[in-house]
Amino acid sequence: MNETTNQPDEKKERIPAMQSLLDNPFLLLFIGVAMPTVFYLMWGIMEIVTIPVAP
């Protein structure tokens, strides 16, 4: 018998979640655009909140 043939009772190898995330270029693009946007928005809101009120 040839061991290289696929047997029906063989379990498929499960792909780790991090590998499937890193294999998706559109998801990486979205994360690369969304994360800096969120951080800059938070930074801008913090700057506006810290401006002292004019007398």
PDB file of N, CA and C in Angstrom:
ATOM      1  N   MET A   1       0.829  -1.193   0.000  1.00  0.00           N
ATOM      2  CA  MET A   1       0.000   0.000   0.000  1.00  0.00           C
ATOM      3  C   MET A   1       0.868   1.248   0.000  1.00  0.00           C
ATOM      4  N   ASN A   2       0.382   2.235  -0.695  1.00  0.00           N
ATOM      5  CA  ASN A   2       1.100   3.490  -0.789  1.00  0.00           C
ATOM      6  C   ASN A   2       0.613   4.435   0.310  1.00  0.00           C
ATOM      7  N   GLU A   3       1.528   4.928   1.128  1.00  0.00           N
ATOM      8  CA  GLU A   3       1.142   5.785   2.249  1.00  0.00           C
ATOM      9  C   GLU A   3       0.910   7.232   1.830  1.00  0.00           C
ATOM     10  N   THR A   4       1.279   7.595   0.596  1.00  0.00           N
ATOM     11  CA  THR A   4       1.097   8.974   0.148  1.00  0.00           C
ATOM     12  C   THR A   4      -0.306   9.256  -0.338  1.00  0.00           C
ATOM     13  N   THR A   5      -1.108   8.224  -0.576  1.00  0.00           N
ATOM     14  CA  THR A   5      -2.480   8.462  -1.019  1.00  0.00           C
ATOM     15  C   THR A   5      -3.322   8.935   0.151  1.00  0.00           C
ATOM     16  N   ASN A   6      -4.315   9.750  -0.145  1.00  0.00           N
ATOM     17  CA  ASN A   6      -5.180  10.275   0.914  1.00  0.00           C
ATOM     18  C   ASN A   6      -6.184   9.207   1.337  1.00  0.00           C
ATOM     19  N   GLN A   7      -6.222   8.955   2.596  1.00  0.00           N
ATOM     20  CA  GLN A   7      -7.175   8.005   3.151  1.00  0.00           C
ATOM     21  C   GLN A   7      -8.403   8.767   3.612  1.00  0.00           C
ATOM     22  N   PRO A   8      -9.610   8.233   3.442  1.00  0.00           N
ATOM     23  CA  PRO A   8     -10.813   8.951   3.879  1.00  0.00           C
ATOM     24  C   PRO A   8     -10.898   9.143   5.387  1.00  0.00           C
ATOM     25  N   ASP A   9     -10.204   8.281   6.152  1.00  0.00           N
ATOM     26  CA  ASP A   9     -10.292   8.411   7.604  1.00  0.00           C
ATOM     27  C   ASP A   9      -9.236   9.353   8.175  1.00  0.00           C
ATOM     28  N   GLU A  10      -8.388   9.924   7.297  1.00  0.00           N
ATOM     29  CA  GLU A  10      -7.391  10.876   7.791  1.00  0.00           C
ATOM     30  C   GLU A  10      -8.064  12.178   8.206  1.00  0.00           C
ATOM     31  N   LYS A  11      -7.606  12.737   9.301  1.00  0.00           N
ATOM     32  CA  LYS A  11      -8.136  14.027   9.752  1.00  0.00           C
ATOM     33  C   LYS A  11      -7.436  15.143   8.986  1.00  0.00           C
ATOM     34  N   LYS A  12      -8.216  16.134   8.568  1.00  0.00           N
ATOM     35  CA  LYS A  12      -7.614  17.285   7.902  1.00  0.00           C
ATOM     36  C   LYS A  12      -6.885  18.127   8.945  1.00  0.00           C
ATOM     37  N   GLU A  13      -5.755  18.672   8.534  1.00  0.00           N
ATOM     38  CA  GLU A  13      -4.971  19.508   9.441  1.00  0.00           C
ATOM     39  C   GLU A  13      -5.682  20.841   9.627  1.00  0.00           C
ATOM     40  N   ARG A  14      -5.859  21.246  10.873  1.00  0.00           N
ATOM     41  CA  ARG A  14      -6.547  22.494  11.193  1.00  0.00           C
ATOM     42  C   ARG A  14      -5.579  23.658  11.044  1.00  0.00           C
ATOM     43  N   ILE A  15      -6.001  24.688  10.297  1.00  0.00           N
ATOM     44  CA  ILE A  15      -5.160  25.868  10.087  1.00  0.00           C
ATOM     45  C   ILE A  15      -5.328  26.782  11.295  1.00  0.00           C
ATOM     46  N   PRO A  16      -4.217  27.193  11.910  1.00  0.00           N
ATOM     47  CA  PRO A  16      -4.316  28.094  13.066  1.00  0.00           C
ATOM     48  C   PRO A  16      -4.957  29.429  12.678  1.00  0.00           C
ATOM     49  N   ALA A  17      -5.627  30.054  13.638  1.00  0.00           N
ATOM     50  CA  ALA A  17      -6.350  31.300  13.382  1.00  0.00           C
ATOM     51  C   ALA A  17      -5.397  32.420  12.950  1.00  0.00           C
ATOM     52  N   MET A  18      -4.240  32.513  13.595  1.00  0.00           N
ATOM     53  CA  MET A  18      -3.299  33.589  13.256  1.00  0.00           C
ATOM     54  C   MET A  18      -2.772  33.423  11.833  1.00  0.00           C
ATOM     55  N   GLN A  19      -2.554  32.178  11.391  1.00  0.00           N
ATOM     56  CA  GLN A  19      -2.079  31.949  10.025  1.00  0.00           C
ATOM     57  C   GLN A  19      -3.140  32.338   9.010  1.00  0.00           C
ATOM     58  N   SER A  20      -4.385  32.013   9.283  1.00  0.00           N
ATOM     59  CA  SER A  20      -5.443  32.386   8.343  1.00  0.00           C
ATOM     60  C   SER A  20      -5.622  33.903   8.309  1.00  0.00           C
ATOM     61  N   LEU A  21      -5.387  34.582   9.438  1.00  0.00           N
ATOM     62  CA  LEU A  21      -5.455  36.046   9.462  1.00  0.00           C
ATOM     63  C   LEU A  21      -4.324  36.649   8.638  1.00  0.00           C
ATOM     64  N   LEU A  22      -3.114  36.125   8.799  1.00  0.00           N
ATOM     65  CA  LEU A  22      -1.961  36.668   8.088  1.00  0.00           C
ATOM     66  C   LEU A  22      -1.956  36.280   6.610  1.00  0.00           C
ATOM     67  N   ASP A  23      -2.722  35.273   6.216  1.00  0.00           N
ATOM     68  CA  ASP A  23      -2.805  34.881   4.812  1.00  0.00           C
ATOM     69  C   ASP A  23      -3.816  35.704   4.032  1.00  0.00           C
ATOM     70  N   ASN A  24      -4.591  36.547   4.697  1.00  0.00           N
ATOM     71  CA  ASN A  24      -5.635  37.329   4.030  1.00  0.00           C
ATOM     72  C   ASN A  24      -5.133  38.765   3.823  1.00  0.00           C
ATOM     73  N   PRO A  25      -4.693  39.129   2.593  1.00  0.00           N
ATOM     74  CA  PRO A  25      -4.120  40.460   2.387  1.00  0.00           C
ATOM     75  C   PRO A  25      -5.140  41.588   2.540  1.00  0.00           C
ATOM     76  N   PHE A  26      -6.416  41.347   2.208  1.00  0.00           N
ATOM     77  CA  PHE A  26      -7.401  42.417   2.332  1.00  0.00           C
ATOM     78  C   PHE A  26      -7.715  42.712   3.795  1.00  0.00           C
ATOM     79  N   LEU A  27      -7.718  41.693   4.621  1.00  0.00           N
ATOM     80  CA  LEU A  27      -7.917  41.907   6.051  1.00  0.00           C
ATOM     81  C   LEU A  27      -6.732  42.661   6.643  1.00  0.00           C
ATOM     82  N   LEU A  28      -5.530  42.326   6.217  1.00  0.00           N
ATOM     83  CA  LEU A  28      -4.346  43.049   6.684  1.00  0.00           C
ATOM     84  C   LEU A  28      -4.378  44.514   6.237  1.00  0.00           C
ATOM     85  N   LEU A  29      -4.830  44.759   5.015  1.00  0.00           N
ATOM     86  CA  LEU A  29      -4.954  46.126   4.525  1.00  0.00           C
ATOM     87  C   LEU A  29      -5.964  46.906   5.355  1.00  0.00           C
ATOM     88  N   PHE A  30      -7.107  46.282   5.638  1.00  0.00           N
ATOM     89  CA  PHE A  30      -8.132  46.937   6.442  1.00  0.00           C
ATOM     90  C   PHE A  30      -7.601  47.254   7.843  1.00  0.00           C
ATOM     91  N   ILE A  31      -6.929  46.295   8.468  1.00  0.00           N
ATOM     92  CA  ILE A  31      -6.384  46.518   9.809  1.00  0.00           C
ATOM     93  C   ILE A  31      -5.314  47.607   9.766  1.00  0.00           C
ATOM     94  N   GLY A  32      -4.488  47.612   8.714  1.00  0.00           N
ATOM     95  CA  GLY A  32      -3.427  48.607   8.585  1.00  0.00           C
ATOM     96  C   GLY A  32      -3.951  50.012   8.377  1.00  0.00           C
ATOM     97  N   VAL A  33      -5.146  50.170   7.839  1.00  0.00           N
ATOM     98  CA  VAL A  33      -5.741  51.491   7.656  1.00  0.00           C
ATOM     99  C   VAL A  33      -6.599  51.863   8.866  1.00  0.00           C
ATOM    100  N   ALA A  34      -7.330  50.902   9.403  1.00  0.00           N
ATOM    101  CA  ALA A  34      -8.275  51.180  10.489  1.00  0.00           C
ATOM    102  C   ALA A  34      -7.570  51.488  11.805  1.00  0.00           C
ATOM    103  N   MET A  35      -6.526  50.765  12.136  1.00  0.00           N
ATOM    104  CA  MET A  35      -5.876  50.966  13.440  1.00  0.00           C
ATOM    105  C   MET A  35      -5.267  52.373  13.574  1.00  0.00           C
ATOM    106  N   PRO A  36      -4.477  52.861  12.612  1.00  0.00           N
ATOM    107  CA  PRO A  36      -3.970  54.229  12.755  1.00  0.00           C
ATOM    108  C   PRO A  36      -5.090  55.264  12.772  1.00  0.00           C
ATOM    109  N   THR A  37      -6.150  55.037  12.009  1.00  0.00           N
ATOM    110  CA  THR A  37      -7.278  55.970  12.006  1.00  0.00           C
ATOM    111  C   THR A  37      -7.905  56.066  13.384  1.00  0.00           C
ATOM    112  N   VAL A  38      -8.130  54.928  14.008  1.00  0.00           N
ATOM    113  CA  VAL A  38      -8.726  54.919  15.346  1.00  0.00           C
ATOM    114  C   VAL A  38      -7.792  55.599  16.350  1.00  0.00           C
ATOM    115  N   PHE A  39      -6.501  55.307  16.271  1.00  0.00           N
ATOM    116  CA  PHE A  39      -5.561  55.917  17.220  1.00  0.00           C
ATOM    117  C   PHE A  39      -5.471  57.426  17.027  1.00  0.00           C
ATOM    118  N   TYR A  40      -5.442  57.905  15.778  1.00  0.00           N
ATOM    119  CA  TYR A  40      -5.382  59.345  15.544  1.00  0.00           C
ATOM    120  C   TYR A  40      -6.666  60.033  15.994  1.00  0.00           C
ATOM    121  N   LEU A  41      -7.816  59.384  15.796  1.00  0.00           N
ATOM    122  CA  LEU A  41      -9.072  59.959  16.291  1.00  0.00           C
ATOM    123  C   LEU A  41      -9.061  60.066  17.811  1.00  0.00           C
ATOM    124  N   MET A  42      -8.611  59.009  18.477  1.00  0.00           N
ATOM    125  CA  MET A  42      -8.543  59.043  19.950  1.00  0.00           C
ATOM    126  C   MET A  42      -7.572  60.122  20.419  1.00  0.00           C
ATOM    127  N   TRP A  43      -6.437  60.253  19.743  1.00  0.00           N
ATOM    128  CA  TRP A  43      -5.448  61.257  20.101  1.00  0.00           C
ATOM    129  C   TRP A  43      -6.037  62.665  19.914  1.00  0.00           C
ATOM    130  N   GLY A  44      -6.748  62.889  18.811  1.00  0.00           N
ATOM    131  CA  GLY A  44      -7.357  64.192  18.560  1.00  0.00           C
ATOM    132  C   GLY A  44      -8.437  64.521  19.574  1.00  0.00           C
ATOM    133  N   ILE A  45      -9.243  63.544  19.936  1.00  0.00           N
ATOM    134  CA  ILE A  45     -10.286  63.787  20.946  1.00  0.00           C
ATOM    135  C   ILE A  45      -9.652  64.108  22.290  1.00  0.00           C
ATOM    136  N   MET A  46      -8.574  63.395  22.647  1.00  0.00           N
ATOM    137  CA  MET A  46      -7.882  63.688  23.906  1.00  0.00           C
ATOM    138  C   MET A  46      -7.290  65.095  23.893  1.00  0.00           C
ATOM    139  N   GLU A  47      -6.759  65.521  22.758  1.00  0.00           N
ATOM    140  CA  GLU A  47      -6.195  66.876  22.659  1.00  0.00           C
ATOM    141  C   GLU A  47      -7.289  67.929  22.804  1.00  0.00           C
ATOM    142  N   ILE A  48      -8.436  67.715  22.184  1.00  0.00           N
ATOM    143  CA  ILE A  48      -9.544  68.675  22.275  1.00  0.00           C
ATOM    144  C   ILE A  48     -10.061  68.764  23.704  1.00  0.00           C
ATOM    145  N   VAL A  49     -10.154  67.631  24.382  1.00  0.00           N
ATOM    146  CA  VAL A  49     -10.661  67.611  25.760  1.00  0.00           C
ATOM    147  C   VAL A  49      -9.710  68.338  26.699  1.00  0.00           C
ATOM    148  N   THR A  50      -8.411  68.288  26.448  1.00  0.00           N
ATOM    149  CA  THR A  50      -7.438  68.907  27.363  1.00  0.00           C
ATOM    150  C   THR A  50      -7.258  70.407  27.135  1.00  0.00           C
ATOM    151  N   ILE A  51      -7.882  70.975  26.097  1.00  0.00           N
ATOM    152  CA  ILE A  51      -7.777  72.426  25.872  1.00  0.00           C
ATOM    153  C   ILE A  51      -8.554  73.137  26.995  1.00  0.00           C
ATOM    154  N   PRO A  52      -7.904  74.084  27.672  1.00  0.00           N
ATOM    155  CA  PRO A  52      -8.590  74.781  28.759  1.00  0.00           C
ATOM    156  C   PRO A  52      -9.723  75.683  28.230  1.00  0.00           C
ATOM    157  N   VAL A  53     -10.737  75.847  29.043  1.00  0.00           N
ATOM    158  CA  VAL A  53     -11.893  76.661  28.674  1.00  0.00           C
ATOM    159  C   VAL A  53     -11.476  78.134  28.752  1.00  0.00           C
ATOM    160  N   ALA A  54     -11.860  78.930  27.743  1.00  0.00           N
ATOM    161  CA  ALA A  54     -11.532  80.352  27.732  1.00  0.00           C
ATOM    162  C   ALA A  54     -12.357  81.089  28.787  1.00  0.00           C
ATOM    163  N   PRO A  55     -11.758  82.061  29.486  1.00  0.00           N
ATOM    164  CA  PRO A  55     -12.518  82.789  30.516  1.00  0.00           C
ATOM    165  C   PRO A  55     -13.533  83.757  29.923  1.00  0.00           C
TER     166      PRO A  55
END
